[in-house]
Amino acid sequence: MSAFTIADVYALQIIDSRGDPTVEVVVVTEGGGVGRAATPAGASRGRYEAVELRDGGRSWGGRGVSRAVENVNKFIAPAIKGLESNMYRVVDRKLLELDGTPNKSRLGANALTAVSLANVKAAADTLGVPLFQFLGGFKARLLPIPLMNLINGGAHAGNELTFQEFMVVPVGADKFSEALRMAVEVYKELRKYLKEKYGPSAINVGDEGGYAPPMKFVREALDALVNSIRRAGYSEGTDIYLALDAAASQFYDEGKNVYRVDGKELSSEDLLEYYRELVDQYPVKIIEDPFNEEAFQEFTKLRSYVKGQVLIIGDDLTVTNINRIKKAVSTDSIDGSIIKVNQVGTISESEECIEYLLNSGKKAIISHRSGDTEDNVIAHIAVAYGVGLIKTGAPARGERTSKYNELLRIEYWLGDEALYAGKLKLL
């Protein structure tokens, strides 16, 4: 027995930022280390994601997670007590063995994710180092560029915008804290712009803290961002880029094989041309999920058209699944992939995906979910693996600001050792 030996594990049901129940797990080591982690949930989910276990029935509108909590307390806790928390890949393998399904449907990805993350936090606490340093070592010092979602659409808002996320990407800063300030200043100017143009209701916010104005067309949102960047005193395409999460599976009609965008039905070729027009007209640097989650060929075609100008990123396409990521890389479909631990279930599986992407010369973007919690673990994951990019919403709502504030703390903790990814011109 050592200080890292897992002494106690327990789970409870808490609520996320949408008021839905989720799983929180606490892991305690013999050395007194404590790790607490909660699983987020997405509104826009790929069909190949690991499976959340929900209770069904009338309580909590069917969204309860008491079965997943029971699985932690009844099956997982006894099986991992006595294991060494710092040997987190061994702990994760035990979790996968206990579940025994390819999609985590027996115990639930929401149960496994919370246990896996709580375990590495407990190990870091036992060692007395920040989580990013436990996972990434003493070389970990790169603060990520925030892809800040300032206008919400699609499944994240109650407006008519087809695309799900309209983001600003502050690259023209020397430090993460400066980049955050730049993006917040744009957010404040956007608030003024939307209120002037659309009225007070336009500054209501969506799931990720971005505004959800009564817009109908993609170009309206992009124009609003460009205007706000300028009003804040910055230059679009130099100081600040734009990024889009189309989340195309959400507006794809599989039966008719068309995409519904801006009130029109577009074929894949039409949509490809639409993207080409957008990147010619606006300083868009990243497009996430431009086509549906099976459209590897269309991803490849768009990527060949915008190569060197725009990064094409998979999310529903790749779902933090190493086999789908390998397929996307081998078919030249992506420049990178979104990484969400709860899409796959464990930190070690996520680590495998990150390392494969980086070793292949691709981007790994650490991401929150639209239904998130105050857990700030993704800030540490982004720094630990030096990915240089993070998505965690607008600078509003506690579940979003918790990640930004933790990155500020990490920057302060690192002091002069801290390095900002924007300064390295990673985009």
Protein backbone atom coordinates (compact mmCIF):
# COMPACT_ATOMS: atom_id res chain seq x y z
CA MET A 1 0.00 0.00 0.00
CA SER A 2 1.24 3.48 -0.86
CA ALA A 3 0.04 7.07 -0.55
CA PHE A 4 -1.48 6.70 -4.03
CA THR A 5 -3.59 3.65 -3.13
CA ILE A 6 -7.28 4.31 -3.72
CA ALA A 7 -8.99 4.19 -0.34
CA ASP A 8 -12.49 5.40 -1.13
CA VAL A 9 -14.70 6.07 -4.14
CA TYR A 10 -18.25 7.37 -4.14
CA ALA A 11 -20.70 8.99 -6.53
CA LEU A 12 -23.69 11.27 -6.25
CA GLN A 13 -26.15 12.96 -8.57
CA ILE A 14 -25.70 16.71 -9.11
CA ILE A 15 -27.07 19.04 -11.81
CA ASP A 16 -25.36 20.55 -14.84
CA SER A 17 -25.74 23.98 -16.46
CA ARG A 18 -29.03 23.01 -18.09
CA GLY A 19 -30.53 21.72 -14.84
CA ASP A 20 -30.12 18.12 -15.95
CA PRO A 21 -28.73 15.56 -13.51
CA THR A 22 -25.19 14.35 -13.98
CA VAL A 23 -22.69 12.14 -12.19
CA GLU A 24 -20.12 13.49 -9.74
CA VAL A 25 -17.46 11.18 -8.31
CA VAL A 26 -15.01 11.63 -5.45
CA VAL A 27 -11.84 9.52 -5.19
CA VAL A 28 -9.74 9.55 -2.00
CA THR A 29 -6.26 8.07 -1.65
CA GLU A 30 -4.49 6.65 1.39
CA GLY A 31 -2.21 9.69 1.31
CA GLY A 32 -5.15 12.04 1.77
CA GLY A 33 -5.39 13.11 -1.85
CA VAL A 34 -8.91 13.99 -3.00
CA GLY A 35 -10.20 14.19 -6.56
CA ARG A 36 -13.67 15.39 -7.48
CA ALA A 37 -15.00 15.33 -11.06
CA ALA A 38 -18.36 15.71 -12.81
CA THR A 39 -19.42 14.59 -16.26
CA PRO A 40 -20.76 17.14 -18.77
CA ALA A 41 -23.37 16.41 -21.46
CA GLY A 42 -23.81 17.58 -25.04
CA ALA A 43 -26.93 18.70 -26.89
CA SER A 44 -25.36 18.02 -30.28
CA ARG A 45 -24.04 14.46 -30.03
CA GLY A 46 -22.49 12.21 -32.63
CA ARG A 47 -24.08 8.80 -33.07
CA TYR A 48 -20.74 7.12 -32.38
CA GLU A 49 -20.21 8.71 -28.97
CA ALA A 50 -19.98 6.55 -25.89
CA VAL A 51 -23.40 6.10 -24.32
CA GLU A 52 -24.70 8.13 -21.38
CA LEU A 53 -26.75 6.08 -18.96
CA ARG A 54 -30.03 7.82 -18.11
CA ASP A 55 -32.86 6.52 -15.92
CA GLY A 56 -35.87 7.26 -18.11
CA GLY A 57 -39.29 7.45 -16.49
CA ARG A 58 -40.96 10.60 -15.15
CA SER A 59 -38.48 11.76 -12.52
CA TRP A 60 -36.20 14.53 -13.81
CA GLY A 61 -37.98 14.25 -17.15
CA GLY A 62 -36.26 10.91 -17.71
CA ARG A 63 -32.83 12.52 -17.39
CA GLY A 64 -31.91 11.15 -13.98
CA VAL A 65 -28.60 9.33 -13.51
CA SER A 66 -29.28 7.25 -10.40
CA ARG A 67 -28.42 4.04 -12.31
CA ALA A 68 -25.04 5.46 -13.32
CA VAL A 69 -24.42 6.61 -9.74
CA GLU A 70 -25.34 3.15 -8.45
CA ASN A 71 -22.94 1.58 -10.95
CA VAL A 72 -20.11 3.63 -9.48
CA ASN A 73 -20.99 2.88 -5.88
CA LYS A 74 -21.93 -0.78 -6.33
CA PHE A 75 -19.62 -2.08 -9.06
CA ILE A 76 -16.79 0.35 -9.85
CA ALA A 77 -15.77 1.44 -6.34
CA PRO A 78 -15.11 -2.08 -4.98
CA ALA A 79 -13.18 -2.98 -8.14
CA ILE A 80 -10.74 -0.06 -8.10
CA LYS A 81 -10.18 0.34 -4.36
CA GLY A 82 -6.63 -0.83 -3.68
CA LEU A 83 -5.37 0.20 -7.12
CA GLU A 84 -2.77 2.95 -7.42
CA SER A 85 -4.35 6.22 -8.59
CA ASN A 86 -1.13 7.44 -10.21
CA MET A 87 -1.22 4.35 -12.45
CA TYR A 88 -4.24 5.91 -14.12
CA ARG A 89 -4.04 3.89 -17.32
CA VAL A 90 -4.29 0.71 -15.23
CA VAL A 91 -7.32 2.17 -13.42
CA ASP A 92 -8.90 3.09 -16.76
CA ARG A 93 -8.28 -0.39 -18.14
CA LYS A 94 -10.11 -1.80 -15.13
CA LEU A 95 -13.04 0.52 -15.89
CA LEU A 96 -13.17 -0.67 -19.50
CA GLU A 97 -12.94 -4.28 -18.38
CA LEU A 98 -15.80 -3.82 -15.92
CA ASP A 99 -18.01 -2.23 -18.58
CA GLY A 100 -17.07 -4.73 -21.30
CA THR A 101 -18.94 -2.97 -24.14
CA PRO A 102 -17.50 -1.02 -27.08
CA ASN A 103 -19.66 2.04 -26.32
CA LYS A 104 -19.71 2.02 -22.48
CA SER A 105 -23.41 1.21 -22.49
CA ARG A 106 -23.34 -1.19 -19.52
CA LEU A 107 -22.04 1.10 -16.80
CA GLY A 108 -22.46 4.37 -18.71
CA ALA A 109 -19.87 6.74 -20.14
CA ASN A 110 -21.10 9.35 -17.66
CA ALA A 111 -20.11 7.04 -14.79
CA LEU A 112 -16.73 6.09 -16.29
CA THR A 113 -15.79 9.67 -17.21
CA ALA A 114 -16.36 11.02 -13.71
CA VAL A 115 -14.40 8.15 -12.12
CA SER A 116 -11.49 8.42 -14.55
CA LEU A 117 -11.14 12.18 -14.10
CA ALA A 118 -11.61 12.10 -10.32
CA ASN A 119 -8.89 9.46 -10.13
CA VAL A 120 -6.22 11.53 -11.91
CA LYS A 121 -7.18 14.54 -9.80
CA ALA A 122 -6.72 12.45 -6.66
CA ALA A 123 -3.31 11.29 -7.87
CA ALA A 124 -2.21 14.87 -8.57
CA ASP A 125 -3.48 16.00 -5.17
CA THR A 126 -1.63 13.17 -3.46
CA LEU A 127 1.58 14.17 -5.23
CA GLY A 128 0.96 17.82 -4.40
CA VAL A 129 1.20 19.14 -7.96
CA PRO A 130 -1.35 20.73 -10.32
CA LEU A 131 -3.18 18.26 -12.55
CA PHE A 132 -1.63 19.69 -15.73
CA GLN A 133 1.80 18.94 -14.33
CA PHE A 134 0.86 15.45 -13.18
CA LEU A 135 -0.39 14.59 -16.68
CA GLY A 136 2.10 16.60 -18.74
CA GLY A 137 5.24 16.78 -16.62
CA PHE A 138 7.39 19.79 -15.87
CA LYS A 139 7.62 20.73 -19.56
CA ALA A 140 3.90 21.53 -19.72
CA ARG A 141 3.62 25.31 -20.03
CA LEU A 142 1.67 26.15 -23.20
CA LEU A 143 -1.53 28.13 -22.58
CA PRO A 144 -4.17 27.51 -25.27
CA ILE A 145 -5.83 29.90 -27.70
CA PRO A 146 -9.49 30.20 -26.66
CA LEU A 147 -12.07 29.56 -29.38
CA MET A 148 -14.72 31.69 -27.71
CA ASN A 149 -18.33 31.07 -28.74
CA LEU A 150 -19.97 34.50 -28.72
CA ILE A 151 -23.07 33.80 -30.84
CA ASN A 152 -25.07 30.62 -30.24
CA GLY A 153 -27.29 28.97 -32.84
CA GLY A 154 -28.41 25.50 -33.87
CA ALA A 155 -29.05 23.11 -30.99
CA HIS A 156 -27.57 25.60 -28.52
CA ALA A 157 -30.15 28.36 -28.93
CA GLY A 158 -33.78 29.11 -29.68
CA ASN A 159 -33.14 31.25 -32.75
CA GLU A 160 -33.13 30.49 -36.49
CA LEU A 161 -29.37 30.42 -37.02
CA THR A 162 -28.40 27.20 -38.77
CA PHE A 163 -24.82 26.96 -37.55
CA GLN A 164 -24.29 26.10 -33.91
CA GLU A 165 -21.33 28.25 -32.87
CA PHE A 166 -19.81 31.52 -34.07
CA MET A 167 -16.48 32.04 -32.37
CA VAL A 168 -13.72 34.61 -32.07
CA VAL A 169 -10.12 33.41 -31.91
CA PRO A 170 -7.76 35.98 -30.31
CA VAL A 171 -4.26 35.26 -31.62
CA GLY A 172 -2.68 38.71 -31.49
CA ALA A 173 -1.64 38.61 -27.85
CA ASP A 174 1.56 37.81 -25.99
CA LYS A 175 -0.18 36.13 -23.06
CA PHE A 176 -3.31 34.08 -22.46
CA SER A 177 -4.61 36.72 -20.06
CA GLU A 178 -4.28 39.36 -22.78
CA ALA A 179 -6.06 37.12 -25.29
CA LEU A 180 -8.89 36.59 -22.83
CA ARG A 181 -9.17 40.35 -22.29
CA MET A 182 -9.35 40.93 -26.05
CA ALA A 183 -12.14 38.39 -26.49
CA VAL A 184 -14.09 39.78 -23.52
CA GLU A 185 -13.85 43.27 -24.98
CA VAL A 186 -15.31 41.97 -28.25
CA TYR A 187 -18.07 40.21 -26.29
CA LYS A 188 -18.97 43.50 -24.59
CA GLU A 189 -19.04 45.37 -27.90
CA LEU A 190 -21.15 42.61 -29.41
CA ARG A 191 -23.67 43.07 -26.62
CA LYS A 192 -23.98 46.78 -27.47
CA TYR A 193 -24.19 46.08 -31.21
CA LEU A 194 -26.92 43.44 -30.84
CA LYS A 195 -28.98 45.56 -28.48
CA GLU A 196 -28.80 48.54 -30.86
CA LYS A 197 -29.66 46.51 -33.95
CA TYR A 198 -32.17 43.93 -32.69
CA GLY A 199 -33.44 45.21 -29.34
CA PRO A 200 -33.05 44.04 -25.72
CA SER A 201 -34.09 40.42 -26.38
CA ALA A 202 -31.05 39.96 -28.63
CA ILE A 203 -28.71 39.82 -25.66
CA ASN A 204 -30.33 36.75 -24.12
CA VAL A 205 -27.79 33.96 -23.99
CA GLY A 206 -27.75 30.38 -25.24
CA ASP A 207 -26.44 27.18 -23.69
CA GLU A 208 -22.79 28.19 -23.91
CA GLY A 209 -23.16 31.77 -22.70
CA GLY A 210 -23.01 33.33 -26.15
CA TYR A 211 -25.77 35.63 -27.31
CA ALA A 212 -28.74 34.10 -29.11
CA PRO A 213 -30.05 37.01 -31.22
CA PRO A 214 -33.07 36.73 -33.55
CA MET A 215 -30.94 36.20 -36.65
CA LYS A 216 -31.85 34.09 -39.66
CA PHE A 217 -28.70 34.07 -41.76
CA VAL A 218 -25.14 32.94 -41.12
CA ARG A 219 -23.71 36.10 -42.65
CA GLU A 220 -25.65 38.21 -40.14
CA ALA A 221 -23.76 36.56 -37.30
CA LEU A 222 -20.40 36.88 -39.04
CA ASP A 223 -21.05 40.55 -39.83
CA ALA A 224 -21.90 41.15 -36.18
CA LEU A 225 -18.63 39.59 -35.03
CA VAL A 226 -16.52 41.53 -37.53
CA ASN A 227 -18.26 44.77 -36.55
CA SER A 228 -17.69 44.07 -32.85
CA ILE A 229 -14.02 43.22 -33.37
CA ARG A 230 -13.54 46.58 -35.07
CA ARG A 231 -15.52 48.45 -32.41
CA ALA A 232 -13.26 46.90 -29.78
CA GLY A 233 -10.25 48.36 -31.60
CA TYR A 234 -8.90 45.18 -33.18
CA SER A 235 -8.35 43.96 -36.73
CA GLU A 236 -10.18 40.90 -37.98
CA GLY A 237 -7.88 38.40 -39.64
CA THR A 238 -4.83 39.83 -37.85
CA ASP A 239 -5.56 40.24 -34.15
CA ILE A 240 -8.64 38.02 -34.09
CA TYR A 241 -9.85 35.27 -36.41
CA LEU A 242 -13.31 33.77 -36.67
CA ALA A 243 -14.25 30.10 -36.25
CA LEU A 244 -17.44 28.19 -37.00
CA ASP A 245 -18.96 25.03 -35.61
CA ALA A 246 -21.52 24.20 -38.26
CA ALA A 247 -22.60 20.94 -36.55
CA ALA A 248 -23.94 19.91 -39.95
CA SER A 249 -25.43 16.61 -38.78
CA GLN A 250 -28.06 18.75 -37.02
CA PHE A 251 -29.30 20.32 -40.27
CA TYR A 252 -28.73 17.38 -42.61
CA ASP A 253 -31.81 15.64 -44.03
CA GLU A 254 -30.63 12.08 -44.54
CA GLY A 255 -33.77 11.04 -46.40
CA LYS A 256 -33.44 13.79 -49.02
CA ASN A 257 -29.62 14.00 -48.79
CA VAL A 258 -29.72 17.79 -48.44
CA TYR A 259 -28.60 20.37 -45.91
CA ARG A 260 -31.02 23.07 -44.77
CA VAL A 261 -29.08 26.32 -44.45
CA ASP A 262 -30.47 29.86 -44.30
CA GLY A 263 -33.90 28.57 -45.30
CA LYS A 264 -32.60 26.78 -48.40
CA GLU A 265 -31.99 23.14 -49.29
CA LEU A 266 -28.40 22.64 -50.40
CA SER A 267 -26.69 19.62 -51.89
CA SER A 268 -23.22 18.69 -50.65
CA GLU A 269 -21.72 20.50 -53.63
CA ASP A 270 -23.86 23.57 -52.96
CA LEU A 271 -22.81 23.59 -49.30
CA LEU A 272 -19.16 23.22 -50.25
CA GLU A 273 -19.45 26.26 -52.50
CA TYR A 274 -21.23 28.12 -49.70
CA TYR A 275 -18.27 27.50 -47.38
CA ARG A 276 -15.86 28.67 -50.07
CA GLU A 277 -17.79 31.92 -50.35
CA LEU A 278 -17.76 32.43 -46.59
CA VAL A 279 -14.01 31.96 -46.23
CA ASP A 280 -13.41 34.33 -49.13
CA GLN A 281 -15.56 37.01 -47.49
CA TYR A 282 -14.67 36.59 -43.81
CA PRO A 283 -11.48 35.81 -41.81
CA VAL A 284 -12.68 32.31 -40.89
CA LYS A 285 -9.78 30.16 -39.72
CA ILE A 286 -11.60 27.04 -38.44
CA ILE A 287 -14.69 25.17 -39.61
CA GLU A 288 -15.87 22.33 -37.41
CA ASP A 289 -18.18 19.59 -38.71
CA PRO A 290 -18.96 21.25 -42.07
CA PHE A 291 -20.77 18.12 -43.28
CA ASN A 292 -22.63 15.25 -41.60
CA GLU A 293 -20.91 12.65 -39.47
CA GLU A 294 -20.55 10.09 -42.26
CA ALA A 295 -19.29 12.48 -44.96
CA PHE A 296 -15.55 11.75 -44.90
CA GLN A 297 -15.32 12.36 -48.65
CA GLU A 298 -16.96 15.79 -48.43
CA PHE A 299 -14.64 16.77 -45.57
CA THR A 300 -11.69 15.77 -47.77
CA LYS A 301 -12.94 17.77 -50.72
CA LEU A 302 -13.53 20.93 -48.69
CA ARG A 303 -10.16 20.55 -47.03
CA SER A 304 -8.42 20.37 -50.41
CA TYR A 305 -10.17 23.57 -51.51
CA VAL A 306 -9.25 25.62 -48.43
CA LYS A 307 -5.89 24.03 -47.60
CA GLY A 308 -3.48 26.48 -46.04
CA GLN A 309 -6.29 28.95 -45.38
CA VAL A 310 -8.79 27.18 -43.09
CA LEU A 311 -8.54 24.26 -40.65
CA ILE A 312 -11.23 21.60 -41.10
CA ILE A 313 -12.03 19.99 -37.74
CA GLY A 314 -13.99 16.86 -36.88
CA ASP A 315 -16.25 16.46 -33.86
CA ASP A 316 -19.39 14.42 -34.64
CA LEU A 317 -17.21 12.89 -37.35
CA THR A 318 -14.50 11.73 -34.95
CA VAL A 319 -16.13 11.71 -31.44
CA THR A 320 -12.81 11.26 -29.59
CA ASN A 321 -12.71 7.72 -30.99
CA ILE A 322 -9.24 6.57 -32.03
CA ASN A 323 -10.51 4.43 -34.91
CA ARG A 324 -12.61 7.22 -36.41
CA ILE A 325 -9.77 9.70 -35.93
CA LYS A 326 -7.38 7.33 -37.72
CA LYS A 327 -9.86 6.97 -40.59
CA ALA A 328 -10.29 10.75 -40.83
CA VAL A 329 -6.51 11.27 -40.89
CA SER A 330 -5.90 8.49 -43.43
CA THR A 331 -8.55 9.90 -45.78
CA ASP A 332 -7.18 13.46 -45.45
CA SER A 333 -10.56 14.53 -44.08
CA ILE A 334 -9.39 16.70 -41.19
CA ASP A 335 -6.74 19.09 -39.97
CA GLY A 336 -7.64 18.18 -36.42
CA SER A 337 -10.28 16.90 -34.03
CA ILE A 338 -12.27 18.03 -31.03
CA ILE A 339 -11.41 16.11 -27.85
CA LYS A 340 -14.15 15.56 -25.25
CA VAL A 341 -13.40 13.01 -22.53
CA ASN A 342 -17.04 12.04 -22.08
CA GLN A 343 -17.35 11.16 -25.77
CA VAL A 344 -15.06 8.20 -25.14
CA GLY A 345 -15.21 7.69 -21.36
CA THR A 346 -11.68 7.85 -19.91
CA ILE A 347 -8.71 10.21 -19.75
CA SER A 348 -6.31 7.55 -21.08
CA GLU A 349 -8.41 6.95 -24.22
CA SER A 350 -8.56 10.71 -24.74
CA GLU A 351 -4.78 10.88 -24.24
CA GLU A 352 -4.31 8.26 -26.96
CA CYS A 353 -6.37 10.36 -29.38
CA ILE A 354 -4.47 13.56 -28.53
CA GLU A 355 -1.08 11.94 -28.96
CA TYR A 356 -2.05 10.33 -32.26
CA LEU A 357 -3.31 13.65 -33.63
CA LEU A 358 -0.25 15.62 -32.54
CA ASN A 359 2.14 12.96 -33.81
CA SER A 360 0.30 13.08 -37.15
CA GLY A 361 0.80 16.83 -37.40
CA LYS A 362 -2.87 17.52 -36.65
CA LYS A 363 -4.62 19.75 -34.13
CA ALA A 364 -6.31 18.54 -30.95
CA ILE A 365 -8.87 20.98 -29.55
CA ILE A 366 -9.90 20.32 -25.95
CA SER A 367 -13.60 21.06 -25.53
CA HIS A 368 -16.37 21.53 -23.01
CA ARG A 369 -19.98 20.43 -23.62
CA SER A 370 -23.08 22.58 -23.91
CA GLY A 371 -24.41 21.04 -20.69
CA ASP A 372 -21.37 21.52 -18.47
CA THR A 373 -20.47 21.84 -14.79
CA GLU A 374 -18.17 24.00 -12.68
CA ASP A 375 -15.46 21.35 -13.09
CA ASN A 376 -12.40 23.04 -14.63
CA VAL A 377 -10.52 19.88 -15.61
CA ILE A 378 -10.31 20.67 -19.33
CA ALA A 379 -8.15 23.72 -18.59
CA HIS A 380 -5.55 21.36 -17.12
CA ILE A 381 -5.90 18.84 -19.95
CA ALA A 382 -5.27 21.55 -22.56
CA VAL A 383 -2.08 22.69 -20.83
CA ALA A 384 -0.90 19.18 -19.92
CA TYR A 385 -0.71 17.98 -23.52
CA GLY A 386 0.32 21.32 -25.04
CA VAL A 387 -2.46 21.24 -27.63
CA GLY A 388 -2.64 25.02 -27.90
CA LEU A 389 -6.41 25.22 -28.48
CA ILE A 390 -9.47 25.10 -26.21
CA LYS A 391 -13.23 25.55 -26.60
CA THR A 392 -15.12 26.47 -23.48
CA GLY A 393 -17.81 28.95 -24.46
CA ALA A 394 -18.42 32.63 -23.87
CA PRO A 395 -17.00 34.60 -20.92
CA ALA A 396 -20.33 34.26 -19.11
CA ARG A 397 -22.00 31.67 -16.84
CA GLY A 398 -20.03 29.99 -14.09
CA GLU A 399 -19.54 26.67 -15.87
CA ARG A 400 -17.70 28.53 -18.68
CA THR A 401 -15.78 31.11 -16.65
CA SER A 402 -14.51 28.37 -14.31
CA LYS A 403 -12.30 27.11 -17.15
CA TYR A 404 -11.04 30.56 -18.15
CA ASN A 405 -10.31 31.47 -14.53
CA GLU A 406 -8.39 28.23 -14.02
CA LEU A 407 -6.26 29.02 -17.08
CA LEU A 408 -5.53 32.43 -15.56
CA ARG A 409 -4.46 30.68 -12.34
CA ILE A 410 -2.25 28.28 -14.30
CA GLU A 411 -0.65 31.21 -16.15
CA TYR A 412 0.01 32.94 -12.82
CA TRP A 413 1.38 29.71 -11.29
CA LEU A 414 3.77 29.22 -14.22
CA GLY A 415 4.93 32.84 -14.14
CA ASP A 416 7.61 33.61 -16.71
CA GLU A 417 7.57 29.97 -17.81
CA ALA A 418 4.08 30.39 -19.29
CA LEU A 419 3.87 30.52 -23.08
CA TYR A 420 0.80 31.55 -25.08
CA ALA A 421 -0.03 29.48 -28.15
CA GLY A 422 -1.15 32.53 -30.15
CA LYS A 423 2.35 33.94 -29.90
CA LEU A 424 3.66 30.81 -31.62
CA LYS A 425 1.29 31.44 -34.56
CA LEU A 426 -0.17 27.92 -34.32
CA LEU A 427 -3.05 28.97 -36.57
